[in-house]
């Protein structure tokens, strides 16, 4: 590696570290913001703040399902809908089922309904009904490595779901509106 490449690598690592540090600092700020400060945030940040506040509460529990149950109704809606969107956008519905986000799956359909994300709800409900997937027990999707994940991915036509999902309006926009309407409970 030449000196220029080495310097670029150091700069890239430093930028990544700074970006992570900034993200973590912002997460801490979200936890202490007042209602008015939250309302002043742009939609994207408000969604992140609402999710962060819920996720922090879940993280207080060693048992993820217990942590999710500790959330109030508004937080459950935001938490489960956000996790669905995040996981599908980063790796697809199979990833949502395979990761710890699967523990929020029992709340997804109701959350999408409450948010008014009817097309997302129809897509999700249709997929789980058509393929006989029990959202209350997704343990069969647990994967220890990439090969196991690939096996899970091949069980169902996840690409069809994901492609349709990507064509829909982002769930984040529904969450932002809902969070503003329920700011006292986030």
N, C-alpha and C. Protein backbone atom coordinates (compact mmCIF):
# COMPACT_ATOMS: atom_id res chain seq x y z
N UNK A 1 0.86 -1.18 0.00
CA UNK A 1 0.00 0.00 0.00
C UNK A 1 0.90 1.23 0.00
N UNK A 2 0.64 2.11 -0.93
CA UNK A 2 1.41 3.34 -1.01
C UNK A 2 0.98 4.32 0.07
N UNK A 3 1.76 5.35 0.27
CA UNK A 3 1.50 6.34 1.31
C UNK A 3 0.16 7.06 1.08
N UNK A 4 -0.17 7.36 -0.18
CA UNK A 4 -1.44 8.04 -0.48
C UNK A 4 -2.62 7.14 -0.10
N UNK A 5 -2.54 5.88 -0.49
CA UNK A 5 -3.61 4.93 -0.15
C UNK A 5 -3.73 4.78 1.37
N UNK A 6 -2.58 4.72 2.04
CA UNK A 6 -2.58 4.61 3.50
C UNK A 6 -3.25 5.82 4.14
N UNK A 7 -2.94 7.01 3.67
CA UNK A 7 -3.53 8.23 4.22
C UNK A 7 -5.03 8.26 3.95
N UNK A 8 -5.43 7.88 2.74
CA UNK A 8 -6.87 7.83 2.42
C UNK A 8 -7.60 6.85 3.34
N UNK A 9 -6.97 5.73 3.60
CA UNK A 9 -7.58 4.74 4.49
C UNK A 9 -7.73 5.31 5.90
N UNK A 10 -6.69 5.97 6.39
CA UNK A 10 -6.77 6.60 7.71
C UNK A 10 -7.86 7.66 7.77
N UNK A 11 -7.95 8.48 6.73
CA UNK A 11 -8.97 9.52 6.69
C UNK A 11 -10.36 8.89 6.66
N UNK A 12 -10.53 7.85 5.85
CA UNK A 12 -11.83 7.17 5.76
C UNK A 12 -12.23 6.57 7.11
N UNK A 13 -11.27 5.95 7.78
CA UNK A 13 -11.56 5.37 9.10
C UNK A 13 -11.91 6.47 10.10
N UNK A 14 -11.19 7.57 10.03
CA UNK A 14 -11.45 8.70 10.94
C UNK A 14 -12.84 9.28 10.66
N UNK A 15 -13.19 9.42 9.39
CA UNK A 15 -14.52 9.93 9.04
C UNK A 15 -15.61 8.98 9.52
N UNK A 16 -15.37 7.69 9.38
CA UNK A 16 -16.34 6.70 9.86
C UNK A 16 -16.50 6.78 11.37
N UNK A 17 -15.37 6.87 12.09
CA UNK A 17 -15.43 6.99 13.54
C UNK A 17 -16.17 8.26 13.95
N UNK A 18 -15.86 9.37 13.29
CA UNK A 18 -16.54 10.64 13.60
C UNK A 18 -18.03 10.54 13.32
N UNK A 19 -18.37 9.88 12.25
CA UNK A 19 -19.79 9.71 11.89
C UNK A 19 -20.51 8.87 12.94
N UNK A 20 -19.89 7.80 13.38
CA UNK A 20 -20.49 6.94 14.41
C UNK A 20 -20.61 7.70 15.72
N UNK A 21 -19.56 8.42 16.09
CA UNK A 21 -19.60 9.21 17.33
C UNK A 21 -20.71 10.25 17.28
N UNK A 22 -20.88 10.90 16.13
CA UNK A 22 -21.93 11.90 15.96
C UNK A 22 -23.31 11.25 16.07
N UNK A 23 -23.46 10.11 15.46
CA UNK A 23 -24.72 9.37 15.53
C UNK A 23 -25.07 9.01 16.97
N UNK A 24 -24.11 8.48 17.70
CA UNK A 24 -24.35 8.09 19.10
C UNK A 24 -24.66 9.31 19.98
N UNK A 25 -23.97 10.41 19.73
CA UNK A 25 -24.24 11.64 20.48
C UNK A 25 -25.67 12.09 20.22
N UNK A 26 -26.07 12.04 18.98
CA UNK A 26 -27.42 12.47 18.61
C UNK A 26 -28.47 11.56 19.25
N UNK A 27 -28.18 10.28 19.31
CA UNK A 27 -29.11 9.34 19.94
C UNK A 27 -29.34 9.71 21.41
N UNK A 28 -28.28 10.07 22.08
CA UNK A 28 -28.39 10.49 23.48
C UNK A 28 -29.23 11.76 23.61
N UNK A 29 -29.05 12.68 22.69
CA UNK A 29 -29.83 13.92 22.72
C UNK A 29 -31.32 13.64 22.55
N UNK A 30 -31.65 12.71 21.68
CA UNK A 30 -33.06 12.39 21.44
C UNK A 30 -33.77 11.96 22.72
N UNK A 31 -33.04 11.30 23.60
CA UNK A 31 -33.65 10.76 24.82
C UNK A 31 -34.06 11.85 25.81
N UNK A 32 -33.44 13.00 25.72
CA UNK A 32 -33.72 14.06 26.68
C UNK A 32 -34.49 15.25 26.09
N UNK A 33 -34.86 15.15 24.83
CA UNK A 33 -35.55 16.26 24.19
C UNK A 33 -36.96 16.44 24.74
N UNK A 34 -37.37 17.68 24.82
CA UNK A 34 -38.73 18.02 25.24
C UNK A 34 -39.67 17.82 24.05
N UNK A 35 -40.96 17.88 24.33
CA UNK A 35 -41.97 17.76 23.29
C UNK A 35 -41.75 18.81 22.21
N UNK A 36 -41.52 20.05 22.63
CA UNK A 36 -41.31 21.13 21.66
C UNK A 36 -40.05 20.92 20.82
N UNK A 37 -38.99 20.44 21.44
CA UNK A 37 -37.76 20.17 20.70
C UNK A 37 -37.99 19.04 19.68
N UNK A 38 -38.73 18.02 20.08
CA UNK A 38 -39.04 16.93 19.16
C UNK A 38 -39.86 17.43 17.98
N UNK A 39 -40.86 18.25 18.27
CA UNK A 39 -41.72 18.78 17.21
C UNK A 39 -40.96 19.66 16.23
N UNK A 40 -39.88 20.27 16.69
CA UNK A 40 -39.09 21.14 15.82
C UNK A 40 -38.17 20.36 14.88
N UNK A 41 -38.02 19.08 15.11
CA UNK A 41 -37.15 18.26 14.27
C UNK A 41 -37.77 18.05 12.88
N UNK A 42 -36.94 17.96 11.86
CA UNK A 42 -37.46 17.55 10.55
C UNK A 42 -38.00 16.12 10.65
N UNK A 43 -38.88 15.73 9.76
CA UNK A 43 -39.53 14.42 9.83
C UNK A 43 -38.56 13.26 10.00
N UNK A 44 -37.51 13.24 9.20
CA UNK A 44 -36.55 12.13 9.26
C UNK A 44 -35.93 12.00 10.66
N UNK A 45 -35.57 13.13 11.24
CA UNK A 45 -34.97 13.09 12.58
C UNK A 45 -36.01 12.76 13.65
N UNK A 46 -37.23 13.24 13.48
CA UNK A 46 -38.29 12.91 14.43
C UNK A 46 -38.54 11.41 14.46
N UNK A 47 -38.56 10.80 13.29
CA UNK A 47 -38.74 9.35 13.22
C UNK A 47 -37.59 8.65 13.93
N UNK A 48 -36.37 9.09 13.68
CA UNK A 48 -35.21 8.50 14.35
C UNK A 48 -35.28 8.70 15.85
N UNK A 49 -35.70 9.88 16.28
CA UNK A 49 -35.81 10.16 17.72
C UNK A 49 -36.87 9.29 18.37
N UNK A 50 -38.02 9.16 17.72
CA UNK A 50 -39.11 8.34 18.26
C UNK A 50 -38.68 6.89 18.37
N UNK A 51 -38.01 6.38 17.32
CA UNK A 51 -37.53 5.01 17.36
C UNK A 51 -36.46 4.84 18.44
N UNK A 52 -35.54 5.77 18.50
CA UNK A 52 -34.45 5.69 19.48
C UNK A 52 -34.99 5.65 20.91
N UNK A 53 -36.00 6.45 21.17
CA UNK A 53 -36.58 6.48 22.51
C UNK A 53 -37.24 5.14 22.84
N UNK A 54 -37.92 4.55 21.87
CA UNK A 54 -38.54 3.24 22.09
C UNK A 54 -37.47 2.16 22.23
N UNK A 55 -36.49 2.18 21.35
CA UNK A 55 -35.43 1.17 21.38
C UNK A 55 -34.64 1.22 22.68
N UNK A 56 -34.42 2.40 23.20
CA UNK A 56 -33.73 2.54 24.47
C UNK A 56 -34.51 1.85 25.59
N UNK A 57 -35.81 1.99 25.54
CA UNK A 57 -36.66 1.34 26.54
C UNK A 57 -36.60 -0.18 26.39
N UNK A 58 -36.62 -0.68 25.15
CA UNK A 58 -36.52 -2.12 24.90
C UNK A 58 -35.19 -2.64 25.41
N UNK A 59 -34.13 -1.87 25.18
CA UNK A 59 -32.78 -2.29 25.57
C UNK A 59 -32.59 -2.41 27.08
N UNK A 60 -33.51 -1.85 27.86
CA UNK A 60 -33.43 -1.98 29.31
C UNK A 60 -33.70 -3.42 29.76
N UNK A 61 -34.25 -4.22 28.88
CA UNK A 61 -34.61 -5.60 29.21
C UNK A 61 -33.66 -6.57 28.55
N UNK A 62 -33.31 -7.62 29.26
CA UNK A 62 -32.47 -8.66 28.69
C UNK A 62 -33.25 -9.45 27.65
N UNK A 63 -34.54 -9.61 27.88
CA UNK A 63 -35.44 -10.35 27.01
C UNK A 63 -36.13 -9.37 26.05
N UNK A 64 -35.82 -9.45 24.76
CA UNK A 64 -36.35 -8.49 23.79
C UNK A 64 -37.88 -8.47 23.77
N UNK A 65 -38.54 -9.65 23.72
CA UNK A 65 -40.02 -9.59 23.71
C UNK A 65 -40.59 -8.89 24.95
N UNK A 66 -39.96 -9.08 26.09
CA UNK A 66 -40.41 -8.39 27.30
C UNK A 66 -40.21 -6.87 27.16
N UNK A 67 -39.10 -6.49 26.56
CA UNK A 67 -38.85 -5.07 26.33
C UNK A 67 -39.87 -4.46 25.39
N UNK A 68 -40.23 -5.17 24.34
CA UNK A 68 -41.23 -4.68 23.41
C UNK A 68 -42.58 -4.53 24.10
N UNK A 69 -42.92 -5.50 24.94
CA UNK A 69 -44.19 -5.43 25.67
C UNK A 69 -44.22 -4.27 26.66
N UNK A 70 -43.05 -3.77 27.06
CA UNK A 70 -43.00 -2.64 28.00
C UNK A 70 -43.35 -1.31 27.32
N UNK A 71 -43.33 -1.29 26.00
CA UNK A 71 -43.62 -0.06 25.27
C UNK A 71 -45.11 0.27 25.34
N UNK A 72 -45.42 1.56 25.31
CA UNK A 72 -46.83 1.93 25.22
C UNK A 72 -47.29 1.68 23.78
N UNK A 73 -48.58 1.82 23.53
CA UNK A 73 -49.12 1.50 22.21
C UNK A 73 -48.49 2.32 21.10
N UNK A 74 -48.28 3.59 21.33
CA UNK A 74 -47.68 4.47 20.32
C UNK A 74 -46.25 4.03 20.02
N UNK A 75 -45.49 3.74 21.06
CA UNK A 75 -44.11 3.31 20.87
C UNK A 75 -44.04 1.97 20.13
N UNK A 76 -44.97 1.05 20.43
CA UNK A 76 -44.98 -0.24 19.72
C UNK A 76 -45.22 -0.04 18.24
N UNK A 77 -46.16 0.84 17.91
CA UNK A 77 -46.46 1.11 16.50
C UNK A 77 -45.21 1.63 15.80
N UNK A 78 -44.59 2.63 16.37
CA UNK A 78 -43.40 3.24 15.76
C UNK A 78 -42.26 2.23 15.69
N UNK A 79 -42.02 1.53 16.78
CA UNK A 79 -40.91 0.59 16.86
C UNK A 79 -41.03 -0.53 15.83
N UNK A 80 -42.18 -1.16 15.76
CA UNK A 80 -42.32 -2.31 14.86
C UNK A 80 -42.33 -1.87 13.39
N UNK A 81 -43.00 -0.77 13.08
CA UNK A 81 -43.04 -0.30 11.69
C UNK A 81 -41.66 0.16 11.24
N UNK A 82 -40.94 0.84 12.12
CA UNK A 82 -39.59 1.31 11.79
C UNK A 82 -38.66 0.12 11.53
N UNK A 83 -38.72 -0.88 12.40
CA UNK A 83 -37.86 -2.06 12.22
C UNK A 83 -38.16 -2.77 10.91
N UNK A 84 -39.45 -2.90 10.58
CA UNK A 84 -39.80 -3.53 9.31
C UNK A 84 -39.15 -2.77 8.15
N UNK A 85 -39.36 -1.46 8.12
CA UNK A 85 -38.81 -0.67 7.01
C UNK A 85 -37.28 -0.74 6.98
N UNK A 86 -36.66 -0.61 8.13
CA UNK A 86 -35.20 -0.62 8.18
C UNK A 86 -34.64 -1.96 7.68
N UNK A 87 -35.20 -3.04 8.16
CA UNK A 87 -34.68 -4.36 7.78
C UNK A 87 -34.96 -4.67 6.31
N UNK A 88 -36.17 -4.39 5.84
CA UNK A 88 -36.48 -4.67 4.45
C UNK A 88 -35.59 -3.83 3.53
N UNK A 89 -35.38 -2.57 3.88
CA UNK A 89 -34.53 -1.72 3.06
C UNK A 89 -33.06 -2.11 3.10
N UNK A 90 -32.65 -2.79 4.16
CA UNK A 90 -31.24 -3.17 4.28
C UNK A 90 -30.94 -4.61 3.93
N UNK A 91 -31.96 -5.44 3.78
CA UNK A 91 -31.68 -6.84 3.47
C UNK A 91 -32.91 -7.65 3.14
N UNK A 92 -34.06 -7.04 3.21
CA UNK A 92 -35.28 -7.73 2.81
C UNK A 92 -36.08 -8.27 3.98
N UNK A 93 -37.27 -8.74 3.65
CA UNK A 93 -38.17 -9.29 4.67
C UNK A 93 -37.55 -10.49 5.37
N UNK A 94 -36.80 -11.29 4.63
CA UNK A 94 -36.14 -12.44 5.27
C UNK A 94 -35.22 -11.97 6.38
N UNK A 95 -34.51 -10.88 6.16
CA UNK A 95 -33.63 -10.34 7.20
C UNK A 95 -34.44 -9.89 8.41
N UNK A 96 -35.60 -9.28 8.17
CA UNK A 96 -36.48 -8.88 9.27
C UNK A 96 -36.86 -10.10 10.11
N UNK A 97 -37.18 -11.22 9.44
CA UNK A 97 -37.57 -12.44 10.15
C UNK A 97 -36.37 -13.11 10.82
N UNK A 98 -35.18 -12.98 10.25
CA UNK A 98 -34.00 -13.67 10.78
C UNK A 98 -33.34 -12.93 11.94
N UNK A 99 -33.40 -11.62 11.93
CA UNK A 99 -32.75 -10.84 12.99
C UNK A 99 -33.66 -10.71 14.21
N UNK A 100 -33.15 -10.09 15.25
CA UNK A 100 -33.95 -9.92 16.48
C UNK A 100 -35.17 -9.04 16.24
N UNK A 101 -35.21 -8.35 15.12
CA UNK A 101 -36.40 -7.55 14.77
C UNK A 101 -37.63 -8.44 14.66
N UNK A 102 -37.44 -9.75 14.47
CA UNK A 102 -38.56 -10.68 14.33
C UNK A 102 -39.49 -10.64 15.55
N UNK A 103 -38.96 -10.23 16.69
CA UNK A 103 -39.79 -10.19 17.89
C UNK A 103 -40.87 -9.11 17.81
N UNK A 104 -40.70 -8.17 16.89
CA UNK A 104 -41.73 -7.15 16.71
C UNK A 104 -42.75 -7.55 15.64
N UNK A 105 -42.52 -8.66 14.97
CA UNK A 105 -43.41 -9.11 13.88
C UNK A 105 -44.88 -9.24 14.30
N UNK A 106 -45.18 -9.72 15.52
CA UNK A 106 -46.59 -9.82 15.89
C UNK A 106 -47.33 -8.48 15.91
N UNK A 107 -46.60 -7.38 15.95
CA UNK A 107 -47.20 -6.05 16.04
C UNK A 107 -47.24 -5.32 14.70
N UNK A 108 -46.62 -5.88 13.68
CA UNK A 108 -46.45 -5.17 12.41
C UNK A 108 -47.78 -4.87 11.73
N UNK A 109 -48.62 -5.86 11.57
CA UNK A 109 -49.87 -5.65 10.84
C UNK A 109 -50.72 -4.57 11.50
N UNK A 110 -50.88 -4.66 12.80
CA UNK A 110 -51.66 -3.65 13.53
C UNK A 110 -51.00 -2.28 13.40
N UNK A 111 -49.70 -2.23 13.50
CA UNK A 111 -48.98 -0.96 13.41
C UNK A 111 -49.18 -0.31 12.05
N UNK A 112 -49.08 -1.09 11.01
CA UNK A 112 -49.27 -0.55 9.67
C UNK A 112 -50.71 -0.05 9.48
N UNK A 113 -51.64 -0.77 10.06
CA UNK A 113 -53.04 -0.34 10.00
C UNK A 113 -53.23 1.00 10.71
N UNK A 114 -52.69 1.10 11.93
CA UNK A 114 -52.81 2.33 12.71
C UNK A 114 -52.17 3.50 11.97
N UNK A 115 -51.05 3.26 11.32
CA UNK A 115 -50.34 4.31 10.58
C UNK A 115 -51.07 4.71 9.30
N UNK A 116 -51.98 3.87 8.85
CA UNK A 116 -52.65 4.14 7.58
C UNK A 116 -51.86 3.67 6.38
N UNK A 117 -50.88 2.82 6.62
CA UNK A 117 -50.04 2.26 5.55
C UNK A 117 -50.72 0.99 5.04
N UNK A 118 -51.89 1.18 4.43
CA UNK A 118 -52.74 0.06 4.04
C UNK A 118 -52.10 -0.86 3.01
N UNK A 119 -51.38 -0.30 2.05
CA UNK A 119 -50.74 -1.14 1.03
C UNK A 119 -49.63 -1.98 1.65
N UNK A 120 -48.90 -1.40 2.59
CA UNK A 120 -47.85 -2.16 3.29
C UNK A 120 -48.48 -3.29 4.10
N UNK A 121 -49.59 -2.96 4.77
CA UNK A 121 -50.27 -3.97 5.60
C UNK A 121 -50.78 -5.11 4.71
N UNK A 122 -51.41 -4.78 3.59
CA UNK A 122 -51.93 -5.82 2.69
C UNK A 122 -50.79 -6.69 2.16
N UNK A 123 -49.67 -6.06 1.82
CA UNK A 123 -48.51 -6.81 1.33
C UNK A 123 -47.98 -7.75 2.40
N UNK A 124 -47.79 -7.24 3.62
CA UNK A 124 -47.26 -8.05 4.73
C UNK A 124 -48.22 -9.18 5.07
N UNK A 125 -49.49 -8.82 5.30
CA UNK A 125 -50.49 -9.84 5.68
C UNK A 125 -50.65 -10.88 4.58
N UNK A 126 -50.70 -10.43 3.35
CA UNK A 126 -50.83 -11.36 2.23
C UNK A 126 -49.69 -12.35 2.16
N UNK A 127 -48.47 -11.86 2.38
CA UNK A 127 -47.29 -12.72 2.32
C UNK A 127 -47.31 -13.76 3.43
N UNK A 128 -47.58 -13.33 4.65
CA UNK A 128 -47.54 -14.30 5.76
C UNK A 128 -48.69 -15.29 5.67
N UNK A 129 -49.85 -14.85 5.20
CA UNK A 129 -50.99 -15.77 5.06
C UNK A 129 -50.71 -16.77 3.93
N UNK A 130 -50.31 -16.26 2.78
CA UNK A 130 -50.05 -17.12 1.62
C UNK A 130 -49.03 -18.20 1.92
N UNK A 131 -48.03 -17.87 2.74
CA UNK A 131 -46.94 -18.81 3.00
C UNK A 131 -47.02 -19.48 4.37
N UNK A 132 -48.13 -19.26 5.08
CA UNK A 132 -48.33 -19.92 6.36
C UNK A 132 -47.29 -19.57 7.41
N UNK A 133 -46.84 -18.35 7.42
CA UNK A 133 -45.81 -17.92 8.37
C UNK A 133 -46.49 -17.44 9.65
N UNK A 134 -46.06 -18.00 10.76
CA UNK A 134 -46.59 -17.62 12.08
C UNK A 134 -45.70 -16.53 12.66
N UNK A 135 -46.19 -15.29 12.65
CA UNK A 135 -45.37 -14.17 13.13
C UNK A 135 -45.13 -14.24 14.64
N UNK A 136 -45.86 -15.10 15.34
CA UNK A 136 -45.64 -15.25 16.78
C UNK A 136 -44.52 -16.25 17.09
N UNK A 137 -44.06 -16.96 16.07
CA UNK A 137 -42.94 -17.90 16.26
C UNK A 137 -42.12 -17.94 14.98
N UNK A 138 -41.12 -17.12 14.93
CA UNK A 138 -40.24 -17.05 13.77
C UNK A 138 -38.89 -17.68 14.07
N UNK A 139 -38.85 -18.55 15.08
CA UNK A 139 -37.58 -19.17 15.48
C UNK A 139 -36.96 -19.99 14.35
N UNK A 140 -37.79 -20.49 13.43
CA UNK A 140 -37.24 -21.27 12.32
C UNK A 140 -36.39 -20.42 11.38
N UNK A 141 -36.47 -19.09 11.50
CA UNK A 141 -35.68 -18.20 10.66
C UNK A 141 -34.33 -17.85 11.27
N UNK A 142 -34.09 -18.25 12.51
CA UNK A 142 -32.81 -17.94 13.14
C UNK A 142 -31.67 -18.54 12.32
N UNK A 143 -30.64 -17.76 12.11
CA UNK A 143 -29.51 -18.20 11.29
C UNK A 143 -28.21 -17.92 12.02
N UNK A 144 -27.34 -18.88 12.01
CA UNK A 144 -26.04 -18.74 12.67
C UNK A 144 -24.97 -18.21 11.73
N UNK A 145 -25.17 -18.41 10.43
CA UNK A 145 -24.17 -17.96 9.48
C UNK A 145 -24.83 -17.64 8.14
N UNK A 146 -24.02 -17.22 7.20
CA UNK A 146 -24.53 -16.80 5.89
C UNK A 146 -25.22 -17.96 5.17
N UNK A 147 -24.64 -19.14 5.24
CA UNK A 147 -25.24 -20.28 4.54
C UNK A 147 -26.64 -20.58 5.07
N UNK A 148 -26.81 -20.53 6.38
CA UNK A 148 -28.13 -20.74 6.97
C UNK A 148 -29.10 -19.64 6.54
N UNK A 149 -28.62 -18.40 6.48
CA UNK A 149 -29.48 -17.31 6.04
C UNK A 149 -29.92 -17.52 4.59
N UNK A 150 -29.01 -17.97 3.74
CA UNK A 150 -29.35 -18.22 2.34
C UNK A 150 -30.42 -19.30 2.25
N UNK A 151 -30.31 -20.33 3.09
CA UNK A 151 -31.34 -21.37 3.12
C UNK A 151 -32.70 -20.78 3.50
N UNK A 152 -32.70 -19.90 4.49
CA UNK A 152 -33.95 -19.25 4.90
C UNK A 152 -34.52 -18.42 3.75
N UNK A 153 -33.64 -17.71 3.09
CA UNK A 153 -34.04 -16.82 2.01
C UNK A 153 -34.69 -17.60 0.86
N UNK A 154 -34.23 -18.81 0.66
CA UNK A 154 -34.74 -19.63 -0.44
C UNK A 154 -36.06 -20.33 -0.12
N UNK A 155 -36.51 -20.26 1.13
CA UNK A 155 -37.76 -20.93 1.52
C UNK A 155 -38.99 -20.28 0.90
N UNK A 156 -38.94 -18.97 0.69
CA UNK A 156 -40.11 -18.24 0.22
C UNK A 156 -39.68 -17.23 -0.85
N UNK A 157 -40.62 -16.73 -1.64
CA UNK A 157 -40.28 -15.75 -2.68
C UNK A 157 -40.11 -14.33 -2.11
N UNK A 158 -39.09 -14.16 -1.31
CA UNK A 158 -38.86 -12.87 -0.66
C UNK A 158 -38.60 -11.74 -1.65
N UNK A 159 -37.98 -12.05 -2.78
CA UNK A 159 -37.70 -11.01 -3.77
C UNK A 159 -38.98 -10.34 -4.24
N UNK A 160 -40.03 -11.12 -4.43
CA UNK A 160 -41.31 -10.56 -4.86
C UNK A 160 -41.84 -9.57 -3.82
N UNK A 161 -41.79 -9.97 -2.56
CA UNK A 161 -42.24 -9.09 -1.48
C UNK A 161 -41.40 -7.82 -1.47
N UNK A 162 -40.09 -8.00 -1.45
CA UNK A 162 -39.18 -6.86 -1.34
C UNK A 162 -39.36 -5.88 -2.50
N UNK A 163 -39.45 -6.39 -3.72
CA UNK A 163 -39.60 -5.52 -4.88
C UNK A 163 -40.89 -4.70 -4.78
N UNK A 164 -41.97 -5.32 -4.35
CA UNK A 164 -43.22 -4.59 -4.20
C UNK A 164 -43.09 -3.57 -3.07
N UNK A 165 -42.48 -3.96 -1.97
CA UNK A 165 -42.27 -3.06 -0.83
C UNK A 165 -41.52 -1.80 -1.28
N UNK A 166 -40.47 -1.99 -2.06
CA UNK A 166 -39.66 -0.85 -2.49
C UNK A 166 -40.43 0.12 -3.38
N UNK A 167 -41.49 -0.36 -4.00
CA UNK A 167 -42.27 0.51 -4.88
C UNK A 167 -43.31 1.34 -4.11
N UNK A 168 -43.51 1.04 -2.84
CA UNK A 168 -44.50 1.74 -2.02
C UNK A 168 -43.90 2.99 -1.37
N UNK A 169 -44.77 3.87 -0.96
CA UNK A 169 -44.37 5.07 -0.22
C UNK A 169 -43.63 4.63 1.04
N UNK A 170 -42.53 5.28 1.40
CA UNK A 170 -41.78 4.88 2.60
C UNK A 170 -42.64 4.93 3.87
N UNK A 171 -42.51 3.92 4.69
CA UNK A 171 -43.24 3.86 5.96
C UNK A 171 -42.85 5.04 6.84
N UNK A 172 -41.62 5.50 6.70
CA UNK A 172 -41.13 6.62 7.51
C UNK A 172 -42.07 7.83 7.44
N UNK A 173 -42.65 8.07 6.28
CA UNK A 173 -43.55 9.23 6.15
C UNK A 173 -44.81 9.05 6.99
N UNK A 174 -45.29 7.83 7.09
CA UNK A 174 -46.45 7.55 7.94
C UNK A 174 -46.07 7.69 9.42
N UNK A 175 -44.88 7.21 9.75
CA UNK A 175 -44.42 7.28 11.13
C UNK A 175 -44.25 8.74 11.56
N UNK A 176 -43.70 9.57 10.68
CA UNK A 176 -43.48 10.99 11.03
C UNK A 176 -44.80 11.67 11.37
N UNK A 177 -45.79 11.47 10.56
CA UNK A 177 -47.11 12.08 10.79
C UNK A 177 -47.69 11.56 12.12
N UNK A 178 -47.61 10.27 12.32
CA UNK A 178 -48.14 9.64 13.54
C UNK A 178 -47.41 10.14 14.78
N UNK A 179 -46.08 10.24 14.68
CA UNK A 179 -45.28 10.71 15.83
C UNK A 179 -45.66 12.15 16.20
N UNK A 180 -45.85 12.98 15.19
CA UNK A 180 -46.26 14.37 15.47
C UNK A 180 -47.62 14.42 16.16
N UNK A 181 -48.51 13.55 15.75
CA UNK A 181 -49.87 13.52 16.33
C UNK A 181 -49.88 12.93 17.74
N UNK A 182 -48.86 12.17 18.08
CA UNK A 182 -48.79 11.48 19.39
C UNK A 182 -47.51 11.81 20.13
N UNK A 183 -47.06 13.03 19.97
CA UNK A 183 -45.76 13.46 20.50
C UNK A 183 -45.65 13.24 22.02
N UNK A 184 -46.74 13.36 22.73
CA UNK A 184 -46.72 13.18 24.19
C UNK A 184 -46.35 11.77 24.61
N UNK A 185 -46.58 10.81 23.72
CA UNK A 185 -46.38 9.41 24.09
C UNK A 185 -45.11 8.80 23.53
N UNK A 186 -44.33 9.61 22.81
CA UNK A 186 -43.09 9.01 22.28
C UNK A 186 -41.96 9.32 23.24
